[in-house]
Protein backbone atom coordinates (compact mmCIF):
# COMPACT_ATOMS: atom_id res chain seq x y z
CA MET A 1 15.44 37.02 42.56
CA PHE A 2 15.09 38.85 39.21
CA ARG A 3 12.94 36.20 37.52
CA ASN A 4 9.73 38.29 37.40
CA ILE A 5 11.39 41.67 36.77
CA THR A 6 10.55 43.50 33.56
CA PHE A 7 11.38 47.04 32.38
CA ALA A 8 8.94 49.71 31.20
CA TYR A 9 11.66 51.27 29.00
CA PRO A 10 14.13 48.49 28.29
CA TRP A 11 15.87 50.49 25.53
CA ILE A 12 17.37 52.76 28.20
CA LEU A 13 19.47 49.83 29.39
CA PHE A 14 21.65 50.33 26.32
CA PHE A 15 23.09 53.36 28.11
CA LEU A 16 24.81 50.93 30.48
CA LEU A 17 27.45 50.82 27.76
CA LEU A 18 28.55 54.16 29.24
CA VAL A 19 29.94 52.30 32.25
CA PRO A 20 32.74 50.44 30.42
CA ILE A 21 33.42 53.64 28.43
CA MET A 22 33.85 55.56 31.69
CA ILE A 23 36.20 52.87 33.01
CA PHE A 24 38.29 52.96 29.86
CA TRP A 25 38.46 56.75 29.87
CA TYR A 26 39.50 56.80 33.53
CA TRP A 27 42.25 54.28 32.86
CA PHE A 28 43.37 56.13 29.72
CA LYS A 29 43.49 59.52 31.43
CA GLY A 30 45.46 58.00 34.30
CA ARG A 31 48.14 56.80 31.92
CA GLN A 32 48.30 60.22 30.27
CA ASN A 33 48.95 62.07 33.50
CA GLN A 34 52.62 63.08 33.73
CA PRO A 35 54.36 63.64 37.08
CA SER A 36 55.20 67.22 38.01
CA ILE A 37 58.70 66.32 39.25
CA ASN A 38 61.01 63.85 37.50
CA PHE A 39 63.34 61.69 39.51
CA SER A 40 66.13 59.60 38.11
CA SER A 41 65.35 56.96 40.70
CA ILE A 42 62.49 56.17 43.09
CA LYS A 43 64.57 54.03 45.41
CA VAL A 44 64.49 56.83 47.92
CA PHE A 45 60.73 56.16 48.43
CA GLU A 46 60.97 52.37 48.79
CA GLY A 47 61.03 52.47 52.53
CA PHE A 48 57.85 54.49 52.89
CA PRO A 49 54.64 52.49 53.66
CA VAL A 50 51.59 52.75 51.37
CA THR A 51 48.85 54.73 53.14
CA TRP A 52 45.17 53.80 53.20
CA LYS A 53 44.36 56.96 51.28
CA GLU A 54 46.56 55.78 48.46
CA LYS A 55 44.91 52.36 48.49
CA LEU A 56 41.45 53.97 48.26
CA ARG A 57 42.35 56.62 45.70
CA HIS A 58 40.14 54.97 43.03
CA LEU A 59 37.13 54.55 45.34
CA PRO A 60 35.36 57.82 44.36
CA PHE A 61 35.48 56.82 40.70
CA VAL A 62 34.14 53.35 41.52
CA LEU A 63 31.26 54.90 43.51
CA ARG A 64 30.49 57.35 40.70
CA THR A 65 30.47 54.58 38.11
CA LEU A 66 28.14 52.41 40.19
CA ALA A 67 25.83 55.41 40.77
CA VAL A 68 25.60 56.05 37.03
CA GLY A 69 24.75 52.38 36.41
CA LEU A 70 22.04 52.46 39.10
CA PHE A 71 20.56 55.68 37.68
CA ILE A 72 20.34 54.11 34.21
CA VAL A 73 18.56 51.03 35.58
CA ALA A 74 16.18 53.26 37.55
CA LEU A 75 15.36 55.28 34.40
CA ALA A 76 14.43 52.00 32.64
CA ARG A 77 11.76 51.54 35.36
CA PRO A 78 12.18 47.98 36.66
CA GLN A 79 8.87 46.37 37.62
CA ASP A 80 7.85 43.17 39.36
CA TYR A 81 5.16 41.99 36.96
CA SER A 82 2.61 39.39 38.02
CA SER A 83 -0.43 38.12 36.13
CA GLY A 84 -3.08 35.43 36.40
CA GLU A 85 -6.68 34.45 35.79
CA ASN A 86 -9.79 34.32 37.92
CA ILE A 87 -11.95 31.45 36.68
CA THR A 88 -15.64 31.26 37.54
CA THR A 89 -17.54 28.15 36.56
CA GLU A 90 -21.27 27.70 36.34
CA GLY A 91 -21.43 23.97 37.04
CA ILE A 92 -23.96 21.44 35.82
CA ASP A 93 -25.20 18.52 37.88
CA ILE A 94 -25.83 15.41 35.78
CA VAL A 95 -27.22 12.01 36.74
CA MET A 96 -26.80 9.10 34.36
CA ALA A 97 -29.78 6.72 34.64
CA LEU A 98 -28.78 3.42 33.04
CA ASP A 99 -31.09 0.51 32.28
CA ILE A 100 -29.46 -2.81 33.25
CA SER A 101 -32.37 -5.12 32.52
CA GLY A 102 -31.70 -8.54 30.97
CA SER A 103 -32.37 -7.34 27.44
CA MET A 104 -29.38 -5.00 27.68
CA ILE A 105 -27.08 -7.93 26.89
CA SER A 106 -28.48 -8.10 23.36
CA GLU A 107 -25.66 -7.92 20.86
CA ASP A 108 -27.01 -5.58 18.22
CA PHE A 109 -24.42 -3.24 19.78
CA LYS A 110 -20.80 -4.35 20.21
CA PRO A 111 -20.00 -6.13 22.43
CA ASN A 112 -23.55 -5.67 23.76
CA ARG A 113 -25.92 -2.84 24.66
CA VAL A 114 -24.87 -2.35 28.25
CA GLU A 115 -21.12 -2.46 27.56
CA ALA A 116 -21.51 -0.08 24.62
CA ALA A 117 -23.48 2.29 26.86
CA LYS A 118 -20.83 2.08 29.59
CA ASN A 119 -18.06 2.86 27.12
CA VAL A 120 -19.86 5.91 25.77
CA ILE A 121 -20.80 7.14 29.25
CA ALA A 122 -17.18 6.77 30.36
CA LYS A 123 -16.03 8.96 27.45
CA PHE A 124 -18.71 11.50 28.33
CA ILE A 125 -17.51 11.65 31.95
CA LYS A 126 -13.86 12.05 30.93
CA GLY A 127 -14.85 15.01 28.76
CA ARG A 128 -16.28 16.99 31.68
CA THR A 129 -14.16 19.19 33.94
CA SER A 130 -16.09 20.84 36.78
CA ASP A 131 -19.53 19.22 36.69
CA ARG A 132 -20.84 16.90 39.37
CA ILE A 133 -21.99 13.60 37.89
CA GLY A 134 -23.89 10.73 39.50
CA LEU A 135 -24.97 7.26 38.38
CA VAL A 136 -28.34 5.56 38.91
CA ILE A 137 -29.02 2.05 37.62
CA PHE A 138 -32.43 0.47 37.24
CA SER A 139 -34.24 -2.64 36.05
CA HIS A 140 -37.10 -4.00 38.24
CA ASP A 141 -36.16 -1.30 40.77
CA ALA A 142 -33.59 1.49 40.93
CA PHE A 143 -30.73 2.45 43.19
CA THR A 144 -27.86 4.93 43.22
CA GLN A 145 -24.59 3.38 42.15
CA CYS A 146 -22.71 6.65 42.72
CA PRO A 147 -24.01 9.95 44.18
CA LEU A 148 -23.13 13.29 42.59
CA THR A 149 -19.37 13.73 42.60
CA VAL A 150 -16.46 15.40 40.84
CA ASP A 151 -14.22 12.46 41.73
CA TYR A 152 -14.37 11.04 38.23
CA PRO A 153 -11.93 8.13 38.82
CA VAL A 154 -14.22 6.77 41.56
CA LEU A 155 -17.27 7.28 39.35
CA LEU A 156 -15.61 5.49 36.43
CA HIS A 157 -14.64 2.58 38.68
CA LEU A 158 -18.22 2.20 39.94
CA LEU A 159 -19.48 2.43 36.35
CA SER A 160 -17.14 -0.38 35.28
CA GLU A 161 -18.68 -2.68 37.93
CA VAL A 162 -22.22 -2.27 36.56
CA GLU A 163 -23.68 -5.33 34.82
CA PRO A 164 -27.12 -6.84 34.21
CA GLY A 165 -28.32 -9.07 37.01
CA MET A 166 -27.39 -6.72 39.86
CA ILE A 167 -31.13 -6.07 40.32
CA PRO A 168 -34.06 -8.41 39.56
CA ASP A 169 -35.11 -8.18 35.94
CA GLY A 170 -37.66 -5.70 34.65
CA THR A 171 -37.78 -2.12 33.34
CA ALA A 172 -38.84 0.45 35.93
CA ILE A 173 -38.33 3.70 34.01
CA GLY A 174 -40.39 5.72 36.50
CA ASN A 175 -38.32 4.48 39.44
CA GLY A 176 -35.10 5.27 37.57
CA ILE A 177 -36.20 8.87 36.97
CA ALA A 178 -37.46 9.26 40.52
CA ASP A 179 -34.19 8.03 42.03
CA ALA A 180 -32.24 10.43 39.80
CA VAL A 181 -34.56 13.31 40.75
CA ASN A 182 -33.97 12.52 44.41
CA ARG A 183 -30.23 13.05 43.83
CA LEU A 184 -30.77 16.37 42.05
CA LYS A 185 -33.67 18.00 43.88
CA ASP A 186 -31.50 19.76 46.49
CA SER A 187 -28.82 20.77 43.98
CA LYS A 188 -27.86 24.46 43.78
CA ALA A 189 -26.44 24.07 40.27
CA LYS A 190 -27.67 26.39 37.51
CA SER A 191 -28.46 23.40 35.33
CA LYS A 192 -29.73 19.97 36.44
CA VAL A 193 -29.89 17.13 33.96
CA ILE A 194 -30.85 13.45 33.79
CA ILE A 195 -29.64 11.33 30.89
CA LEU A 196 -31.79 8.21 30.84
CA LEU A 197 -30.88 5.25 28.64
CA THR A 198 -33.18 2.27 28.18
CA ASP A 199 -33.97 -0.41 25.62
CA GLY A 200 -37.44 -1.44 26.67
CA VAL A 201 -40.94 -0.68 27.79
CA ASN A 202 -41.88 0.34 31.33
CA ASN A 203 -43.19 -2.86 32.99
CA ALA A 204 -42.16 -2.57 36.65
CA GLY A 205 -41.83 -0.16 39.53
CA GLU A 206 -44.24 1.77 41.72
CA ILE A 207 -43.85 5.16 40.04
CA ASP A 208 -45.44 6.04 36.73
CA PRO A 209 -42.82 7.44 34.31
CA LEU A 210 -44.92 10.49 33.41
CA THR A 211 -45.51 11.25 37.07
CA ALA A 212 -41.77 11.04 37.64
CA ALA A 213 -41.28 13.42 34.68
CA ASP A 214 -43.70 15.92 36.23
CA ILE A 215 -41.72 15.77 39.48
CA ALA A 216 -38.49 16.37 37.56
CA LYS A 217 -40.08 19.39 35.88
CA THR A 218 -41.11 20.76 39.27
CA PHE A 219 -37.47 20.77 40.39
CA GLY A 220 -36.26 22.32 37.13
CA ILE A 221 -34.60 19.12 35.92
CA ARG A 222 -34.26 18.35 32.20
CA VAL A 223 -34.44 14.73 31.14
CA TYR A 224 -32.72 13.54 27.96
CA THR A 225 -34.06 10.10 27.02
CA ILE A 226 -32.23 7.62 24.81
CA GLY A 227 -33.75 4.49 23.34
CA VAL A 228 -31.16 1.88 22.36
CA GLY A 229 -31.83 -0.99 19.99
CA THR A 230 -31.65 -1.77 16.31
CA ASN A 231 -34.74 -1.67 14.15
CA GLY A 232 -36.56 -5.02 14.00
CA GLU A 233 -34.88 -7.86 15.90
CA ALA A 234 -31.66 -8.21 17.88
CA PRO A 235 -29.54 -11.28 18.70
CA TYR A 236 -29.98 -12.27 22.34
CA PRO A 237 -27.51 -14.80 23.86
CA VAL A 238 -29.13 -17.82 25.55
CA GLN A 239 -27.22 -20.34 27.66
CA THR A 240 -27.99 -23.95 26.60
CA PRO A 241 -26.46 -27.34 27.47
CA PHE A 242 -24.53 -26.99 24.22
CA GLY A 243 -23.16 -23.55 25.02
CA ILE A 244 -24.36 -20.09 24.13
CA ARG A 245 -26.89 -19.90 21.34
CA TYR A 246 -28.43 -16.76 19.89
CA GLN A 247 -32.14 -16.14 19.66
CA MET A 248 -33.56 -13.24 17.65
CA MET A 249 -35.72 -11.09 19.90
CA PRO A 250 -38.00 -8.24 18.78
CA VAL A 251 -36.81 -4.77 19.77
CA GLN A 252 -39.55 -3.03 21.73
CA ILE A 253 -38.91 0.55 22.79
CA ASP A 254 -41.70 2.81 24.01
CA GLU A 255 -40.57 5.79 21.97
CA GLY A 256 -43.83 7.63 22.59
CA LEU A 257 -43.29 7.48 26.36
CA LEU A 258 -39.64 8.49 26.14
CA THR A 259 -40.52 11.40 23.84
CA LYS A 260 -43.25 12.57 26.22
CA ILE A 261 -40.86 12.44 29.21
CA ALA A 262 -38.35 14.60 27.33
CA GLN A 263 -41.02 17.08 26.23
CA ILE A 264 -42.43 17.50 29.74
CA THR A 265 -39.02 18.33 31.20
CA GLY A 266 -37.60 20.42 28.35
CA GLY A 267 -35.17 17.75 27.22
CA GLN A 268 -34.91 15.72 24.00
CA TYR A 269 -35.47 12.13 22.92
CA PHE A 270 -32.84 10.28 20.87
CA ARG A 271 -32.82 6.87 19.21
CA ALA A 272 -29.56 4.93 18.97
CA THR A 273 -29.45 1.95 16.63
CA ASP A 274 -25.72 1.19 16.83
CA ASN A 275 -22.50 2.19 18.60
CA ARG A 276 -21.83 5.10 16.26
CA THR A 277 -25.22 6.77 16.68
CA LEU A 278 -25.08 6.22 20.46
CA GLN A 279 -21.72 8.02 20.61
CA ALA A 280 -23.09 10.83 18.44
CA ILE A 281 -26.05 11.26 20.82
CA TYR A 282 -23.83 11.68 23.87
CA ASN A 283 -21.61 14.06 21.92
CA LYS A 284 -24.65 16.20 21.13
CA ILE A 285 -25.83 16.21 24.75
CA ASP A 286 -22.29 17.09 25.79
CA ARG A 287 -22.42 20.17 23.53
CA LEU A 288 -25.89 21.12 24.74
CA GLU A 289 -24.92 20.91 28.39
CA LYS A 290 -21.56 22.64 28.58
CA SER A 291 -20.52 24.47 31.73
CA LYS A 292 -20.30 28.23 31.49
CA ILE A 293 -16.73 29.26 32.26
CA GLU A 294 -15.83 32.92 32.76
CA VAL A 295 -12.14 33.81 32.70
CA THR A 296 -11.01 37.22 33.96
CA SER A 297 -7.37 38.06 33.27
CA TYR A 298 -5.50 40.39 35.55
CA SER A 299 -2.04 41.89 35.68
CA HIS A 300 -0.18 43.92 38.27
CA ALA A 301 3.13 45.75 38.01
CA GLU A 302 4.96 46.86 41.16
CA GLU A 303 7.42 49.70 40.54
CA LEU A 304 10.94 48.88 41.75
CA PHE A 305 12.89 51.90 40.47
CA TYR A 306 12.73 53.66 43.87
CA GLY A 307 15.30 51.33 45.36
CA TRP A 308 17.69 51.64 42.42
CA LEU A 309 17.32 55.44 42.39
CA GLY A 310 17.86 55.71 46.13
CA ALA A 311 20.94 53.49 46.03
CA GLY A 312 22.36 55.62 43.21
CA PHE A 313 21.88 58.84 45.18
CA ILE A 314 23.53 57.32 48.25
CA LEU A 315 26.59 56.25 46.27
CA LEU A 316 26.74 59.64 44.53
CA LEU A 317 26.60 61.54 47.83
CA LEU A 318 29.20 59.20 49.27
CA GLU A 319 31.48 59.79 46.28
CA ILE A 320 31.11 63.58 46.55
CA GLY A 321 31.71 63.51 50.30
CA LEU A 322 34.86 61.40 50.04
CA SER A 323 36.18 63.41 47.10
CA LYS A 324 35.80 66.68 49.02
CA THR A 325 37.19 65.43 52.32
CA VAL A 326 39.44 62.48 53.20
CA LEU A 327 40.11 61.40 49.60
CA ARG A 328 40.47 64.87 48.17
CA LYS A 329 43.09 65.19 45.48
CA LEU A 330 45.38 68.17 45.48
CA PRO A 331 46.07 69.89 42.15
């Protein structure tokens, strides 16, 4: 009941020490009082019953002592103190556009490009708090693996199921952007972002990548583009009758196109050549696209001394009334 109670002047509570002093003084003065008439024996009074007035003779003092204690607590100003925070978030809507073409199983990243990208994207998602995030995958075509959501466990599960071969092979960068734009165009978020990751050159799809970038710009969507692949050649696993063999394949990334897409939409282009640089890129984007969080603290103190003061006055009036009437002491 008293868990949230605080006192404006807690030092006044030290005056409660007056209460035990009053009790001691009352007891001490009672022992000092000498009877007016001395009897050699009180056996003559043994047959008389004890009256209720005699039983209640200490009641006025008890009431006075309680009243003093209540007045002291009231002077300390007890308060029911509550506090909290109003949090306003300016959310960001983000769509991850992930290339899952056949070349994404190249192993210049560990264990391969697509798994490295999934691991980094998963860390990025876990680092967000109030932003809606969606997932689009593309190769020869594009489709939405997960619409915009704040249910990150579901999103992470759907991300874990992504693997090359889910869509016919190819690299349709324009379709990937267009599908992501379609998920963001009706968003009311203050900031709308596409993070597109690919390792190749646009060679499929019905939509030109620059046209898709212009559409994204129209809807106020920034596109961050990431090219993944080491410089030169990368080991590509090939299934043979003798097991998996590795063939060195040239890394071909259309960096000019990816840079142009980023410039049109107000984003940035990044090049990742290994797991470490890929993680650093997502960390940088994470810092660039942080939600704006406004925290307003509030506090409220409800005064409680009225009740203590009122109770003290009632006890004091009751003590005075009893002392002057039914429990009056004769000199």
